[in-house]
Structure formats: structure tokens, C-alpha cells
Amino acid sequence: MAPPKGRTKIASETKTLKVGDTAPDFTLRSHDGREITLSAFRGQSVVLAFFAFAFTGT
């Protein structure tokens, strides 16, 4: 299946991580609109929760 117009298959373009590898840095918008960068939590435990289609209206 082709990705939607204007998008790419990012999973096929990224390096596969192995257990023990350092996660690449990234920035996401939090539930309250702040930008959160993974590197700001270096040395701490981080849990990411993804909810497909949650709060998208679709």
C-alpha cells in the first residue's frame, strides 16, 4: 500500500535500533501544547504511550 500523497514510509527510512542502543532525539507536542524533547530527560526513565486515532476526531 502506498503512503498518502505528501508522506513517506518513515519506518523504511530509519535505522533499526537494538537493545541497549541510545534512542535518537526527537521532539513531540504534549497534551497541553508544550514541546517536549527526549534529550531533556537524558538519564531518566521515559515511557511513551501512543493512542492510535485518539483525540483526532476520526
N, C-alpha and C. Protein backbone atom coordinates (compact mmCIF):
# COMPACT_ATOMS: atom_id res chain seq x y z
N MET A 1 0.84 -1.17 0.00
CA MET A 1 0.00 0.00 0.00
C MET A 1 0.89 1.24 0.00
N ALA A 2 0.60 2.18 -0.87
CA ALA A 2 1.40 3.40 -0.98
C ALA A 2 1.00 4.37 0.14
N PRO A 3 1.98 5.13 0.64
CA PRO A 3 1.65 6.13 1.66
C PRO A 3 0.78 7.23 1.06
N PRO A 4 0.01 7.93 1.90
CA PRO A 4 -0.80 9.04 1.40
C PRO A 4 0.08 10.08 0.71
N LYS A 5 -0.50 10.80 -0.25
CA LYS A 5 0.24 11.81 -1.00
C LYS A 5 0.91 12.81 -0.05
N GLY A 6 2.17 13.08 -0.30
CA GLY A 6 2.91 14.03 0.52
C GLY A 6 3.58 13.41 1.74
N ARG A 7 3.42 12.12 1.92
CA ARG A 7 4.05 11.44 3.06
C ARG A 7 4.98 10.35 2.57
N THR A 8 5.90 9.94 3.42
CA THR A 8 6.82 8.87 3.07
C THR A 8 6.68 7.74 4.08
N LYS A 9 7.21 6.60 3.75
CA LYS A 9 7.24 5.47 4.68
C LYS A 9 8.46 5.66 5.57
N ILE A 10 8.30 6.41 6.63
CA ILE A 10 9.42 6.75 7.51
C ILE A 10 10.06 5.50 8.11
N ALA A 11 9.26 4.50 8.45
CA ALA A 11 9.81 3.29 9.06
C ALA A 11 10.86 2.65 8.16
N SER A 12 10.67 2.71 6.85
CA SER A 12 11.64 2.10 5.95
C SER A 12 12.87 2.98 5.76
N GLU A 13 12.83 4.22 6.24
CA GLU A 13 13.94 5.15 6.07
C GLU A 13 14.75 5.33 7.35
N THR A 14 14.35 4.69 8.43
CA THR A 14 15.04 4.88 9.71
C THR A 14 15.87 3.65 10.06
N LYS A 15 16.90 3.89 10.86
CA LYS A 15 17.79 2.83 11.31
C LYS A 15 17.07 1.98 12.36
N THR A 16 17.27 0.68 12.31
CA THR A 16 16.70 -0.21 13.30
C THR A 16 17.54 -0.17 14.56
N LEU A 17 16.90 0.07 15.69
CA LEU A 17 17.60 0.11 16.97
C LEU A 17 17.67 -1.28 17.56
N LYS A 18 18.72 -1.52 18.31
CA LYS A 18 18.88 -2.79 19.02
C LYS A 18 18.80 -2.51 20.51
N VAL A 19 18.54 -3.54 21.30
CA VAL A 19 18.50 -3.39 22.75
C VAL A 19 19.81 -2.77 23.21
N GLY A 20 19.71 -1.73 24.01
CA GLY A 20 20.88 -1.05 24.54
C GLY A 20 21.31 0.16 23.73
N ASP A 21 20.78 0.32 22.50
CA ASP A 21 21.11 1.50 21.69
C ASP A 21 20.48 2.74 22.32
N THR A 22 21.13 3.87 22.13
CA THR A 22 20.58 5.14 22.57
C THR A 22 19.51 5.57 21.56
N ALA A 23 18.35 5.95 22.08
CA ALA A 23 17.26 6.39 21.20
C ALA A 23 17.64 7.71 20.54
N PRO A 24 17.27 7.89 19.28
CA PRO A 24 17.54 9.17 18.63
C PRO A 24 16.70 10.27 19.27
N ASP A 25 17.21 11.48 19.28
CA ASP A 25 16.48 12.59 19.88
C ASP A 25 15.30 12.96 18.99
N PHE A 26 14.20 13.36 19.60
CA PHE A 26 13.03 13.83 18.86
C PHE A 26 12.24 14.77 19.75
N THR A 27 11.36 15.53 19.13
CA THR A 27 10.51 16.48 19.84
C THR A 27 9.06 16.19 19.49
N LEU A 28 8.22 16.16 20.52
CA LEU A 28 6.78 15.96 20.34
C LEU A 28 6.03 17.04 21.09
N ARG A 29 4.80 17.28 20.70
CA ARG A 29 3.94 18.23 21.40
C ARG A 29 3.17 17.47 22.47
N SER A 30 3.18 18.00 23.69
CA SER A 30 2.49 17.35 24.81
C SER A 30 0.99 17.65 24.76
N HIS A 31 0.27 17.02 25.66
CA HIS A 31 -1.19 17.20 25.71
C HIS A 31 -1.59 18.64 26.01
N ASP A 32 -0.69 19.41 26.61
CA ASP A 32 -1.02 20.81 26.92
C ASP A 32 -0.35 21.79 25.96
N GLY A 33 0.18 21.29 24.85
CA GLY A 33 0.72 22.16 23.81
C GLY A 33 2.20 22.48 23.90
N ARG A 34 2.86 22.08 24.99
CA ARG A 34 4.31 22.33 25.12
C ARG A 34 5.09 21.36 24.24
N GLU A 35 6.25 21.81 23.75
CA GLU A 35 7.12 20.90 23.01
C GLU A 35 8.06 20.22 23.99
N ILE A 36 8.12 18.90 23.90
CA ILE A 36 8.94 18.09 24.79
C ILE A 36 9.99 17.38 23.94
N THR A 37 11.26 17.50 24.32
CA THR A 37 12.36 16.87 23.60
C THR A 37 12.92 15.73 24.45
N LEU A 38 13.13 14.59 23.83
CA LEU A 38 13.61 13.42 24.55
C LEU A 38 14.92 13.71 25.28
N SER A 39 15.82 14.45 24.66
CA SER A 39 17.13 14.71 25.29
C SER A 39 17.01 15.46 26.61
N ALA A 40 15.90 16.15 26.86
CA ALA A 40 15.71 16.85 28.13
C ALA A 40 15.56 15.86 29.29
N PHE A 41 15.28 14.60 28.97
CA PHE A 41 15.08 13.57 30.00
C PHE A 41 16.24 12.59 30.09
N ARG A 42 17.38 12.94 29.49
CA ARG A 42 18.55 12.05 29.48
C ARG A 42 18.88 11.62 30.91
N GLY A 43 19.06 10.32 31.12
CA GLY A 43 19.38 9.78 32.43
C GLY A 43 18.16 9.41 33.26
N GLN A 44 16.96 9.72 32.76
CA GLN A 44 15.73 9.39 33.46
C GLN A 44 14.97 8.32 32.68
N SER A 45 14.06 7.64 33.34
CA SER A 45 13.21 6.68 32.65
C SER A 45 12.09 7.45 31.95
N VAL A 46 11.79 7.04 30.72
CA VAL A 46 10.74 7.69 29.93
C VAL A 46 9.81 6.62 29.39
N VAL A 47 8.51 6.85 29.52
CA VAL A 47 7.50 5.95 28.95
C VAL A 47 6.69 6.74 27.95
N LEU A 48 6.59 6.24 26.72
CA LEU A 48 5.77 6.87 25.69
C LEU A 48 4.51 6.04 25.50
N ALA A 49 3.37 6.69 25.47
CA ALA A 49 2.10 5.99 25.24
C ALA A 49 1.48 6.56 23.97
N PHE A 50 1.27 5.72 22.99
CA PHE A 50 0.67 6.13 21.73
C PHE A 50 -0.74 5.56 21.64
N PHE A 51 -1.68 6.42 21.31
CA PHE A 51 -3.07 6.01 21.17
C PHE A 51 -3.49 6.31 19.75
N ALA A 52 -3.58 5.28 18.94
CA ALA A 52 -3.95 5.47 17.53
C ALA A 52 -5.32 6.11 17.42
N PHE A 53 -5.39 7.19 16.68
CA PHE A 53 -6.63 7.91 16.40
C PHE A 53 -7.29 8.55 17.61
N ALA A 54 -6.66 8.54 18.77
CA ALA A 54 -7.23 9.18 19.95
C ALA A 54 -7.20 10.70 19.74
N PHE A 55 -8.27 11.34 20.06
CA PHE A 55 -8.39 12.80 20.02
C PHE A 55 -8.19 13.39 18.62
N THR A 56 -8.35 12.59 17.57
CA THR A 56 -8.16 13.11 16.22
C THR A 56 -9.48 13.46 15.55
N GLY A 57 -10.58 12.99 16.12
CA GLY A 57 -11.87 13.26 15.51
C GLY A 57 -12.20 12.34 14.36
N THR A 58 -11.35 11.32 14.10
CA THR A 58 -11.63 10.39 13.00
C THR A 58 -12.01 9.04 13.54
